[in-house]
Amino acid sequence: MITMHRLIIEAWQCKRHGLKECSDFITEVINTLKTHEIGRLQFNITNKIPGAKPGITINVVFLESHLALHTWPEENSFVDLEISSCKEFPVEKLHKGFQLFFNPSRILVKEI
């Protein structure tokens, strides 16, 4: 029987980063997970609000499951990271890395 491990991090008023920086951060997350990346889709989402920065979406499929990162700069720089895996992973290390990278004023961590 497969046991799934899920981590959801929601954070508000985060430091804003571009697509390259977020992609590099996700690469660090993948290395921390010690998983096998199969494919990655990443986008700068075009923003309809004049003068606003675009949001970022990065989806990664790995052999052991998947990961998704979304940013909403127009919503108080909200960031959502969701990781699902059939392998256990170091939640505290990922949580600390997220905090260092995004420096949120408020963070909610859910481990399922």
PDB file of N, CA and C in Angstrom:
ATOM      1  N   MET A   1       0.842  -1.184   0.000  1.00  0.00           N
ATOM      2  CA  MET A   1       0.000   0.000   0.000  1.00  0.00           C
ATOM      3  C   MET A   1       0.889   1.251   0.000  1.00  0.00           C
ATOM      4  N   ILE A   2       0.565   2.186  -0.862  1.00  0.00           N
ATOM      5  CA  ILE A   2       1.331   3.425  -0.970  1.00  0.00           C
ATOM      6  C   ILE A   2       0.821   4.436   0.053  1.00  0.00           C
ATOM      7  N   THR A   3       1.757   5.060   0.754  1.00  0.00           N
ATOM      8  CA  THR A   3       1.433   6.146   1.672  1.00  0.00           C
ATOM      9  C   THR A   3       1.885   7.448   1.026  1.00  0.00           C
ATOM     10  N   MET A   4       0.977   8.398   0.872  1.00  0.00           N
ATOM     11  CA  MET A   4       1.324   9.689   0.283  1.00  0.00           C
ATOM     12  C   MET A   4       1.673  10.684   1.384  1.00  0.00           C
ATOM     13  N   HIS A   5       2.671  11.492   1.095  1.00  0.00           N
ATOM     14  CA  HIS A   5       3.095  12.564   1.994  1.00  0.00           C
ATOM     15  C   HIS A   5       2.850  13.866   1.253  1.00  0.00           C
ATOM     16  N   ARG A   6       2.152  14.787   1.915  1.00  0.00           N
ATOM     17  CA  ARG A   6       1.844  16.067   1.274  1.00  0.00           C
ATOM     18  C   ARG A   6       2.257  17.200   2.166  1.00  0.00           C
ATOM     19  N   LEU A   7       2.786  18.230   1.539  1.00  0.00           N
ATOM     20  CA  LEU A   7       3.150  19.460   2.229  1.00  0.00           C
ATOM     21  C   LEU A   7       2.552  20.609   1.443  1.00  0.00           C
ATOM     22  N   ILE A   8       1.826  21.463   2.137  1.00  0.00           N
ATOM     23  CA  ILE A   8       1.268  22.669   1.522  1.00  0.00           C
ATOM     24  C   ILE A   8       1.758  23.859   2.334  1.00  0.00           C
ATOM     25  N   ILE A   9       2.366  24.810   1.647  1.00  0.00           N
ATOM     26  CA  ILE A   9       2.815  26.041   2.292  1.00  0.00           C
ATOM     27  C   ILE A   9       2.112  27.196   1.606  1.00  0.00           C
ATOM     28  N   GLU A  10       1.409  27.992   2.397  1.00  0.00           N
ATOM     29  CA  GLU A  10       0.767  29.212   1.911  1.00  0.00           C
ATOM     30  C   GLU A  10       1.419  30.375   2.640  1.00  0.00           C
ATOM     31  N   ALA A  11       1.774  31.409   1.903  1.00  0.00           N
ATOM     32  CA  ALA A  11       2.491  32.520   2.515  1.00  0.00           C
ATOM     33  C   ALA A  11       2.058  33.847   1.909  1.00  0.00           C
ATOM     34  N   TRP A  12       2.034  34.884   2.743  1.00  0.00           N
ATOM     35  CA  TRP A  12       1.570  36.209   2.350  1.00  0.00           C
ATOM     36  C   TRP A  12       2.699  37.221   2.488  1.00  0.00           C
ATOM     37  N   GLN A  13       2.616  38.257   1.666  1.00  0.00           N
ATOM     38  CA  GLN A  13       3.577  39.359   1.652  1.00  0.00           C
ATOM     39  C   GLN A  13       5.005  38.828   1.530  1.00  0.00           C
ATOM     40  N   CYS A  14       5.191  38.041   0.493  1.00  0.00           N
ATOM     41  CA  CYS A  14       6.487  37.410   0.236  1.00  0.00           C
ATOM     42  C   CYS A  14       7.377  38.320  -0.599  1.00  0.00           C
ATOM     43  N   LYS A  15       8.653  38.083  -0.480  1.00  0.00           N
ATOM     44  CA  LYS A  15       9.613  38.744  -1.356  1.00  0.00           C
ATOM     45  C   LYS A  15       9.338  38.260  -2.775  1.00  0.00           C
ATOM     46  N   ARG A  16       9.305  39.186  -3.712  1.00  0.00           N
ATOM     47  CA  ARG A  16       9.020  38.822  -5.100  1.00  0.00           C
ATOM     48  C   ARG A  16      10.290  38.391  -5.811  1.00  0.00           C
ATOM     49  N   HIS A  17      10.153  37.350  -6.602  1.00  0.00           N
ATOM     50  CA  HIS A  17      11.266  36.826  -7.392  1.00  0.00           C
ATOM     51  C   HIS A  17      10.794  36.612  -8.816  1.00  0.00           C
ATOM     52  N   GLY A  18      11.748  36.640  -9.741  1.00  0.00           N
ATOM     53  CA  GLY A  18      11.451  36.351 -11.140  1.00  0.00           C
ATOM     54  C   GLY A  18      11.405  34.848 -11.394  1.00  0.00           C
ATOM     55  N   LEU A  19      11.078  34.506 -12.624  1.00  0.00           N
ATOM     56  CA  LEU A  19      10.935  33.101 -12.998  1.00  0.00           C
ATOM     57  C   LEU A  19      12.243  32.327 -12.813  1.00  0.00           C
ATOM     58  N   LYS A  20      13.364  32.895 -13.204  1.00  0.00           N
ATOM     59  CA  LYS A  20      14.642  32.187 -13.074  1.00  0.00           C
ATOM     60  C   LYS A  20      14.956  31.893 -11.612  1.00  0.00           C
ATOM     61  N   GLU A  21      14.787  32.885 -10.744  1.00  0.00           N
ATOM     62  CA  GLU A  21      15.076  32.674  -9.321  1.00  0.00           C
ATOM     63  C   GLU A  21      14.154  31.618  -8.717  1.00  0.00           C
ATOM     64  N   CYS A  22      12.866  31.670  -9.082  1.00  0.00           N
ATOM     65  CA  CYS A  22      11.919  30.663  -8.574  1.00  0.00           C
ATOM     66  C   CYS A  22      12.252  29.277  -9.118  1.00  0.00           C
ATOM     67  N   SER A  23      12.665  29.198 -10.371  1.00  0.00           N
ATOM     68  CA  SER A  23      13.050  27.921 -10.957  1.00  0.00           C
ATOM     69  C   SER A  23      14.282  27.349 -10.249  1.00  0.00           C
ATOM     70  N   ASP A  24      15.249  28.216  -9.943  1.00  0.00           N
ATOM     71  CA  ASP A  24      16.441  27.777  -9.203  1.00  0.00           C
ATOM     72  C   ASP A  24      16.051  27.293  -7.801  1.00  0.00           C
ATOM     73  N   PHE A  25      15.115  27.990  -7.163  1.00  0.00           N
ATOM     74  CA  PHE A  25      14.631  27.561  -5.847  1.00  0.00           C
ATOM     75  C   PHE A  25      13.983  26.178  -5.939  1.00  0.00           C
ATOM     76  N   ILE A  26      13.162  25.955  -6.963  1.00  0.00           N
ATOM     77  CA  ILE A  26      12.501  24.657  -7.134  1.00  0.00           C
ATOM     78  C   ILE A  26      13.542  23.557  -7.398  1.00  0.00           C
ATOM     79  N   THR A  27      14.599  23.878  -8.116  1.00  0.00           N
ATOM     80  CA  THR A  27      15.675  22.909  -8.316  1.00  0.00           C
ATOM     81  C   THR A  27      16.291  22.517  -6.970  1.00  0.00           C
ATOM     82  N   GLU A  28      16.477  23.484  -6.085  1.00  0.00           N
ATOM     83  CA  GLU A  28      16.984  23.190  -4.734  1.00  0.00           C
ATOM     84  C   GLU A  28      16.001  22.311  -3.968  1.00  0.00           C
ATOM     85  N   VAL A  29      14.707  22.588  -4.113  1.00  0.00           N
ATOM     86  CA  VAL A  29      13.688  21.764  -3.455  1.00  0.00           C
ATOM     87  C   VAL A  29      13.772  20.320  -3.967  1.00  0.00           C
ATOM     88  N   ILE A  30      13.881  20.154  -5.284  1.00  0.00           N
ATOM     89  CA  ILE A  30      13.986  18.820  -5.884  1.00  0.00           C
ATOM     90  C   ILE A  30      15.219  18.094  -5.338  1.00  0.00           C
ATOM     91  N   ASN A  31      16.331  18.809  -5.216  1.00  0.00           N
ATOM     92  CA  ASN A  31      17.544  18.207  -4.668  1.00  0.00           C
ATOM     93  C   ASN A  31      17.351  17.806  -3.204  1.00  0.00           C
ATOM     94  N   THR A  32      16.639  18.613  -2.448  1.00  0.00           N
ATOM     95  CA  THR A  32      16.353  18.293  -1.048  1.00  0.00           C
ATOM     96  C   THR A  32      15.457  17.066  -0.948  1.00  0.00           C
ATOM     97  N   LEU A  33      14.497  16.961  -1.869  1.00  0.00           N
ATOM     98  CA  LEU A  33      13.598  15.808  -1.874  1.00  0.00           C
ATOM     99  C   LEU A  33      14.307  14.520  -2.280  1.00  0.00           C
ATOM    100  N   LYS A  34      15.450  14.661  -2.944  1.00  0.00           N
ATOM    101  CA  LYS A  34      16.185  13.509  -3.475  1.00  0.00           C
ATOM    102  C   LYS A  34      15.263  12.662  -4.347  1.00  0.00           C
ATOM    103  N   THR A  35      14.606  13.359  -5.264  1.00  0.00           N
ATOM    104  CA  THR A  35      13.653  12.720  -6.156  1.00  0.00           C
ATOM    105  C   THR A  35      14.162  12.768  -7.586  1.00  0.00           C
ATOM    106  N   HIS A  36      13.425  12.197  -8.492  1.00  0.00           N
ATOM    107  CA  HIS A  36      13.840  12.089  -9.891  1.00  0.00           C
ATOM    108  C   HIS A  36      12.882  12.886 -10.767  1.00  0.00           C
ATOM    109  N   GLU A  37      13.326  14.068 -11.201  1.00  0.00           N
ATOM    110  CA  GLU A  37      12.483  14.945 -12.018  1.00  0.00           C
ATOM    111  C   GLU A  37      12.280  14.336 -13.400  1.00  0.00           C
ATOM    112  N   ILE A  38      11.015  14.287 -13.836  1.00  0.00           N
ATOM    113  CA  ILE A  38      10.674  13.775 -15.162  1.00  0.00           C
ATOM    114  C   ILE A  38      10.413  14.931 -16.128  1.00  0.00           C
ATOM    115  N   GLY A  39       9.693  15.951 -15.654  1.00  0.00           N
ATOM    116  CA  GLY A  39       9.375  17.079 -16.521  1.00  0.00           C
ATOM    117  C   GLY A  39       8.980  18.295 -15.714  1.00  0.00           C
ATOM    118  N   ARG A  40       9.120  19.468 -16.359  1.00  0.00           N
ATOM    119  CA  ARG A  40       8.820  20.724 -15.679  1.00  0.00           C
ATOM    120  C   ARG A  40       8.147  21.683 -16.652  1.00  0.00           C
ATOM    121  N   LEU A  41       7.068  22.301 -16.217  1.00  0.00           N
ATOM    122  CA  LEU A  41       6.419  23.388 -16.946  1.00  0.00           C
ATOM    123  C   LEU A  41       6.540  24.629 -16.081  1.00  0.00           C
ATOM    124  N   GLN A  42       6.974  25.716 -16.670  1.00  0.00           N
ATOM    125  CA  GLN A  42       7.071  26.953 -15.897  1.00  0.00           C
ATOM    126  C   GLN A  42       6.662  28.130 -16.763  1.00  0.00           C
ATOM    127  N   PHE A  43       5.945  29.044 -16.132  1.00  0.00           N
ATOM    128  CA  PHE A  43       5.358  30.159 -16.869  1.00  0.00           C
ATOM    129  C   PHE A  43       5.437  31.446 -16.074  1.00  0.00           C
ATOM    130  N   ASN A  44       5.673  32.550 -16.774  1.00  0.00           N
ATOM    131  CA  ASN A  44       5.366  33.878 -16.269  1.00  0.00           C
ATOM    132  C   ASN A  44       3.944  34.127 -16.724  1.00  0.00           C
ATOM    133  N   ILE A  45       3.019  34.192 -15.816  1.00  0.00           N
ATOM    134  CA  ILE A  45       1.618  34.384 -16.176  1.00  0.00           C
ATOM    135  C   ILE A  45       1.390  35.857 -16.508  1.00  0.00           C
ATOM    136  N   THR A  46       0.888  36.122 -17.712  1.00  0.00           N
ATOM    137  CA  THR A  46       0.639  37.495 -18.127  1.00  0.00           C
ATOM    138  C   THR A  46      -0.426  38.103 -17.240  1.00  0.00           C
ATOM    139  N   ASN A  47      -0.104  39.260 -16.712  1.00  0.00           N
ATOM    140  CA  ASN A  47      -1.007  39.935 -15.795  1.00  0.00           C
ATOM    141  C   ASN A  47      -1.813  40.989 -16.542  1.00  0.00           C
ATOM    142  N   LYS A  48      -3.111  41.032 -16.310  1.00  0.00           N
ATOM    143  CA  LYS A  48      -3.997  41.994 -16.983  1.00  0.00           C
ATOM    144  C   LYS A  48      -4.010  43.354 -16.288  1.00  0.00           C
ATOM    145  N   ILE A  49      -3.347  43.455 -15.126  1.00  0.00           N
ATOM    146  CA  ILE A  49      -3.343  44.710 -14.374  1.00  0.00           C
ATOM    147  C   ILE A  49      -2.147  45.540 -14.831  1.00  0.00           C
ATOM    148  N   PRO A  50      -2.381  46.721 -15.439  1.00  0.00           N
ATOM    149  CA  PRO A  50      -1.273  47.546 -15.932  1.00  0.00           C
ATOM    150  C   PRO A  50      -0.295  47.889 -14.809  1.00  0.00           C
ATOM    151  N   GLY A  51       0.990  47.700 -15.097  1.00  0.00           N
ATOM    152  CA  GLY A  51       2.041  48.034 -14.140  1.00  0.00           C
ATOM    153  C   GLY A  51       2.303  46.969 -13.087  1.00  0.00           C
ATOM    154  N   ALA A  52       1.474  45.945 -13.019  1.00  0.00           N
ATOM    155  CA  ALA A  52       1.666  44.880 -12.022  1.00  0.00           C
ATOM    156  C   ALA A  52       2.623  43.828 -12.564  1.00  0.00           C
ATOM    157  N   LYS A  53       3.342  43.178 -11.665  1.00  0.00           N
ATOM    158  CA  LYS A  53       4.258  42.114 -12.065  1.00  0.00           C
ATOM    159  C   LYS A  53       3.469  40.832 -12.317  1.00  0.00           C
ATOM    160  N   PRO A  54       3.950  40.027 -13.282  1.00  0.00           N
ATOM    161  CA  PRO A  54       3.247  38.775 -13.571  1.00  0.00           C
ATOM    162  C   PRO A  54       3.460  37.734 -12.476  1.00  0.00           C
ATOM    163  N   GLY A  55       2.475  36.886 -12.302  1.00  0.00           N
ATOM    164  CA  GLY A  55       2.612  35.765 -11.389  1.00  0.00           C
ATOM    165  C   GLY A  55       3.422  34.661 -12.046  1.00  0.00           C
ATOM    166  N   ILE A  56       3.855  33.722 -11.247  1.00  0.00           N
ATOM    167  CA  ILE A  56       4.682  32.623 -11.728  1.00  0.00           C
ATOM    168  C   ILE A  56       4.014  31.314 -11.369  1.00  0.00           C
ATOM    169  N   THR A  57       4.059  30.364 -12.287  1.00  0.00           N
ATOM    170  CA  THR A  57       3.598  29.006 -12.029  1.00  0.00           C
ATOM    171  C   THR A  57       4.685  28.042 -12.485  1.00  0.00           C
ATOM    172  N   ILE A  58       5.048  27.122 -11.595  1.00  0.00           N
ATOM    173  CA  ILE A  58       6.008  26.076 -11.925  1.00  0.00           C
ATOM    174  C   ILE A  58       5.395  24.752 -11.468  1.00  0.00           C
ATOM    175  N   ASN A  59       5.257  23.828 -12.396  1.00  0.00           N
ATOM    176  CA  ASN A  59       4.761  22.484 -12.091  1.00  0.00           C
ATOM    177  C   ASN A  59       5.848  21.483 -12.459  1.00  0.00           C
ATOM    178  N   VAL A  60       6.149  20.596 -11.528  1.00  0.00           N
ATOM    179  CA  VAL A  60       7.174  19.583 -11.756  1.00  0.00           C
ATOM    180  C   VAL A  60       6.571  18.218 -11.498  1.00  0.00           C
ATOM    181  N   VAL A  61       6.781  17.325 -12.453  1.00  0.00           N
ATOM    182  CA  VAL A  61       6.399  15.929 -12.274  1.00  0.00           C
ATOM    183  C   VAL A  61       7.686  15.180 -11.987  1.00  0.00           C
ATOM    184  N   PHE A  62       7.685  14.407 -10.906  1.00  0.00           N
ATOM    185  CA  PHE A  62       8.823  13.564 -10.645  1.00  0.00           C
ATOM    186  C   PHE A  62       8.360  12.135 -10.441  1.00  0.00           C
ATOM    187  N   LEU A  63       9.301  11.240 -10.539  1.00  0.00           N
ATOM    188  CA  LEU A  63       8.985   9.819 -10.489  1.00  0.00           C
ATOM    189  C   LEU A  63       8.116   9.473  -9.286  1.00  0.00           C
ATOM    190  N   GLU A  64       8.344  10.143  -8.174  1.00  0.00           N
ATOM    191  CA  GLU A  64       7.638   9.827  -6.939  1.00  0.00           C
ATOM    192  C   GLU A  64       6.349  10.628  -6.750  1.00  0.00           C
ATOM    193  N   SER A  65       6.033  11.592  -7.611  1.00  0.00           N
ATOM    194  CA  SER A  65       4.762  12.315  -7.635  1.00  0.00           C
ATOM    195  C   SER A  65       4.918  13.686  -8.270  1.00  0.00           C
ATOM    196  N   HIS A  66       4.599  14.785  -7.545  1.00  0.00           N
ATOM    197  CA  HIS A  66       4.621  16.090  -8.200  1.00  0.00           C
ATOM    198  C   HIS A  66       4.781  17.236  -7.198  1.00  0.00           C
ATOM    199  N   LEU A  67       4.976  18.428  -7.776  1.00  0.00           N
ATOM    200  CA  LEU A  67       5.153  19.664  -7.008  1.00  0.00           C
ATOM    201  C   LEU A  67       4.540  20.793  -7.821  1.00  0.00           C
ATOM    202  N   ALA A  68       3.978  21.790  -7.141  1.00  0.00           N
ATOM    203  CA  ALA A  68       3.449  22.975  -7.825  1.00  0.00           C
ATOM    204  C   ALA A  68       3.754  24.220  -6.998  1.00  0.00           C
ATOM    205  N   LEU A  69       4.215  25.269  -7.672  1.00  0.00           N
ATOM    206  CA  LEU A  69       4.459  26.571  -7.051  1.00  0.00           C
ATOM    207  C   LEU A  69       3.675  27.608  -7.841  1.00  0.00           C
ATOM    208  N   HIS A  70       2.947  28.457  -7.132  1.00  0.00           N
ATOM    209  CA  HIS A  70       2.191  29.547  -7.762  1.00  0.00           C
ATOM    210  C   HIS A  70       2.435  30.821  -6.967  1.00  0.00           C
ATOM    211  N   THR A  71       2.590  31.950  -7.682  1.00  0.00           N
ATOM    212  CA  THR A  71       2.697  33.248  -7.009  1.00  0.00           C
ATOM    213  C   THR A  71       1.614  34.174  -7.536  1.00  0.00           C
ATOM    214  N   TRP A  72       1.112  35.021  -6.655  1.00  0.00           N
ATOM    215  CA  TRP A  72       0.102  36.025  -6.993  1.00  0.00           C
ATOM    216  C   TRP A  72       0.580  37.373  -6.467  1.00  0.00           C
ATOM    217  N   PRO A  73       1.364  38.114  -7.247  1.00  0.00           N
ATOM    218  CA  PRO A  73       1.894  39.391  -6.752  1.00  0.00           C
ATOM    219  C   PRO A  73       0.805  40.426  -6.484  1.00  0.00           C
ATOM    220  N   GLU A  74      -0.302  40.339  -7.229  1.00  0.00           N
ATOM    221  CA  GLU A  74      -1.380  41.329  -7.016  1.00  0.00           C
ATOM    222  C   GLU A  74      -2.181  41.042  -5.750  1.00  0.00           C
ATOM    223  N   GLU A  75      -2.029  39.875  -5.170  1.00  0.00           N
ATOM    224  CA  GLU A  75      -2.739  39.494  -3.940  1.00  0.00           C
ATOM    225  C   GLU A  75      -1.778  39.514  -2.755  1.00  0.00           C
ATOM    226  N   ASN A  76      -1.208  40.679  -2.468  1.00  0.00           N
ATOM    227  CA  ASN A  76      -0.270  40.835  -1.356  1.00  0.00           C
ATOM    228  C   ASN A  76       0.913  39.881  -1.457  1.00  0.00           C
ATOM    229  N   SER A  77       1.368  39.638  -2.681  1.00  0.00           N
ATOM    230  CA  SER A  77       2.514  38.754  -2.919  1.00  0.00           C
ATOM    231  C   SER A  77       2.317  37.390  -2.255  1.00  0.00           C
ATOM    232  N   PHE A  78       1.194  36.770  -2.554  1.00  0.00           N
ATOM    233  CA  PHE A  78       0.845  35.452  -2.022  1.00  0.00           C
ATOM    234  C   PHE A  78       1.596  34.371  -2.797  1.00  0.00           C
ATOM    235  N   VAL A  79       2.095  33.361  -2.077  1.00  0.00           N
ATOM    236  CA  VAL A  79       2.792  32.233  -2.697  1.00  0.00           C
ATOM    237  C   VAL A  79       2.219  30.939  -2.134  1.00  0.00           C
ATOM    238  N   ASP A  80       2.022  29.964  -3.017  1.00  0.00           N
ATOM    239  CA  ASP A  80       1.503  28.658  -2.633  1.00  0.00           C
ATOM    240  C   ASP A  80       2.460  27.592  -3.178  1.00  0.00           C
ATOM    241  N   LEU A  81       2.924  26.700  -2.294  1.00  0.00           N
ATOM    242  CA  LEU A  81       3.765  25.579  -2.700  1.00  0.00           C
ATOM    243  C   LEU A  81       3.112  24.297  -2.218  1.00  0.00           C
ATOM    244  N   GLU A  82       2.945  23.351  -3.127  1.00  0.00           N
ATOM    245  CA  GLU A  82       2.340  22.058  -2.765  1.00  0.00           C
ATOM    246  C   GLU A  82       3.259  20.959  -3.276  1.00  0.00           C
ATOM    247  N   ILE A  83       3.607  20.033  -2.376  1.00  0.00           N
ATOM    248  CA  ILE A  83       4.454  18.893  -2.728  1.00  0.00           C
ATOM    249  C   ILE A  83       3.719  17.627  -2.326  1.00  0.00           C
ATOM    250  N   SER A  84       3.630  16.680  -3.243  1.00  0.00           N
ATOM    251  CA  SER A  84       3.066  15.356  -2.960  1.00  0.00           C
ATOM    252  C   SER A  84       4.103  14.325  -3.360  1.00  0.00           C
ATOM    253  N   SER A  85       4.297  13.325  -2.498  1.00  0.00           N
ATOM    254  CA  SER A  85       5.278  12.286  -2.795  1.00  0.00           C
ATOM    255  C   SER A  85       4.945  11.010  -2.046  1.00  0.00           C
ATOM    256  N   CYS A  86       5.293   9.883  -2.654  1.00  0.00           N
ATOM    257  CA  CYS A  86       5.146   8.609  -1.956  1.00  0.00           C
ATOM    258  C   CYS A  86       6.377   8.345  -1.086  1.00  0.00           C
ATOM    259  N   LYS A  87       7.396   9.208  -1.204  1.00  0.00           N
ATOM    260  CA  LYS A  87       8.585   9.136  -0.358  1.00  0.00           C
ATOM    261  C   LYS A  87       8.447  10.144   0.783  1.00  0.00           C
ATOM    262  N   GLU A  88       8.951   9.800   1.948  1.00  0.00           N
ATOM    263  CA  GLU A  88       9.023  10.786   3.022  1.00  0.00           C
ATOM    264  C   GLU A  88      10.052  11.839   2.639  1.00  0.00           C
ATOM    265  N   PHE A  89       9.873  13.059   3.158  1.00  0.00           N
ATOM    266  CA  PHE A  89      10.822  14.119   2.865  1.00  0.00           C
ATOM    267  C   PHE A  89      10.968  15.029   4.084  1.00  0.00           C
ATOM    268  N   PRO A  90      12.067  15.813   4.144  1.00  0.00           N
ATOM    269  CA  PRO A  90      12.360  16.642   5.318  1.00  0.00           C
ATOM    270  C   PRO A  90      11.519  17.926   5.348  1.00  0.00           C
ATOM    271  N   VAL A  91      10.364  17.847   5.961  1.00  0.00           N
ATOM    272  CA  VAL A  91       9.420  18.963   5.987  1.00  0.00           C
ATOM    273  C   VAL A  91      10.039  20.211   6.605  1.00  0.00           C
ATOM    274  N   GLU A  92      10.700  20.063   7.737  1.00  0.00           N
ATOM    275  CA  GLU A  92      11.268  21.229   8.422  1.00  0.00           C
ATOM    276  C   GLU A  92      12.323  21.926   7.568  1.00  0.00           C
ATOM    277  N   LYS A  93      13.155  21.156   6.886  1.00  0.00           N
ATOM    278  CA  LYS A  93      14.183  21.734   6.017  1.00  0.00           C
ATOM    279  C   LYS A  93      13.543  22.489   4.849  1.00  0.00           C
ATOM    280  N   LEU A  94      12.497  21.931   4.262  1.00  0.00           N
ATOM    281  CA  LEU A  94      11.788  22.603   3.162  1.00  0.00           C
ATOM    282  C   LEU A  94      11.095  23.865   3.656  1.00  0.00           C
ATOM    283  N   HIS A  95      10.493  23.797   4.825  1.00  0.00           N
ATOM    284  CA  HIS A  95       9.822  24.945   5.430  1.00  0.00           C
ATOM    285  C   HIS A  95      10.824  26.083   5.653  1.00  0.00           C
ATOM    286  N   LYS A  96      11.976  25.770   6.238  1.00  0.00           N
ATOM    287  CA  LYS A  96      13.000  26.787   6.494  1.00  0.00           C
ATOM    288  C   LYS A  96      13.537  27.383   5.193  1.00  0.00           C
ATOM    289  N   GLY A  97      13.768  26.526   4.183  1.00  0.00           N
ATOM    290  CA  GLY A  97      14.243  27.018   2.895  1.00  0.00           C
ATOM    291  C   GLY A  97      13.244  27.957   2.240  1.00  0.00           C
ATOM    292  N   PHE A  98      11.952  27.619   2.341  1.00  0.00           N
ATOM    293  CA  PHE A  98      10.898  28.474   1.803  1.00  0.00           C
ATOM    294  C   PHE A  98      10.924  29.831   2.511  1.00  0.00           C
ATOM    295  N   GLN A  99      11.011  29.806   3.832  1.00  0.00           N
ATOM    296  CA  GLN A  99      11.029  31.058   4.596  1.00  0.00           C
ATOM    297  C   GLN A  99      12.215  31.932   4.220  1.00  0.00           C
ATOM    298  N   LEU A 100      13.385  31.329   4.069  1.00  0.00           N
ATOM    299  CA  LEU A 100      14.574  32.097   3.698  1.00  0.00           C
ATOM    300  C   LEU A 100      14.437  32.704   2.304  1.00  0.00           C
ATOM    301  N   PHE A 101      13.885  31.947   1.369  1.00  0.00           N
ATOM    302  CA  PHE A 101      13.779  32.425  -0.003  1.00  0.00           C
ATOM    303  C   PHE A 101      12.696  33.492  -0.169  1.00  0.00           C
ATOM    304  N   PHE A 102      11.503  33.255   0.388  1.00  0.00           N
ATOM    305  CA  PHE A 102      10.384  34.165   0.162  1.00  0.00           C
ATOM    306  C   PHE A 102      10.196  35.200   1.269  1.00  0.00           C
ATOM    307  N   ASN A 103      10.760  34.976   2.448  1.00  0.00           N
ATOM    308  CA  ASN A 103      10.687  35.921   3.560  1.00  0.00           C
ATOM    309  C   ASN A 103       9.260  36.449   3.790  1.00  0.00           C
ATOM    310  N   PRO A 104       8.296  35.558   4.010  1.00  0.00           N
ATOM    311  CA  PRO A 104       6.903  36.004   4.165  1.00  0.00           C
ATOM    312  C   PRO A 104       6.655  36.653   5.528  1.00  0.00           C
ATOM    313  N   SER A 105       5.646  37.526   5.569  1.00  0.00           N
ATOM    314  CA  SER A 105       5.254  38.104   6.857  1.00  0.00           C
ATOM    315  C   SER A 105       4.309  37.156   7.604  1.00  0.00           C
ATOM    316  N   ARG A 106       3.633  36.285   6.856  1.00  0.00           N
ATOM    317  CA  ARG A 106       2.725  35.297   7.443  1.00  0.00           C
ATOM    318  C   ARG A 106       2.835  34.011   6.637  1.00  0.00           C
ATOM    319  N   ILE A 107       2.858  32.874   7.341  1.00  0.00           N
ATOM    320  CA  ILE A 107       3.016  31.598   6.655  1.00  0.00           C
ATOM    321  C   ILE A 107       2.132  30.554   7.339  1.00  0.00           C
ATOM    322  N   LEU A 108       1.562  29.686   6.517  1.00  0.00           N
ATOM    323  CA  LEU A 108       0.741  28.574   7.002  1.00  0.00           C
ATOM    324  C   LEU A 108       1.307  27.305   6.379  1.00  0.00           C
ATOM    325  N   VAL A 109       1.684  26.347   7.228  1.00  0.00           N
ATOM    326  CA  VAL A 109       2.258  25.085   6.764  1.00  0.00           C
ATOM    327  C   VAL A 109       1.325  23.960   7.148  1.00  0.00           C
ATOM    328  N   LYS A 110       0.930  23.165   6.148  1.00  0.00           N
ATOM    329  CA  LYS A 110       0.044  22.022   6.390  1.00  0.00           C
ATOM    330  C   LYS A 110       0.773  20.767   5.926  1.00  0.00           C
ATOM    331  N   GLU A 111       0.919  19.835   6.827  1.00  0.00           N
ATOM    332  CA  GLU A 111       1.504  18.548   6.479  1.00  0.00           C
ATOM    333  C   GLU A 111       0.392  17.518   6.565  1.00  0.00           C
ATOM    334  N   ILE A 112       0.146  16.818   5.460  1.00  0.00           N
ATOM    335  CA  ILE A 112      -0.944  15.867   5.392  1.00  0.00           C
ATOM    336  C   ILE A 112      -0.381  14.473   5.219  1.00  0.00           C
TER     337      ILE A 112
END
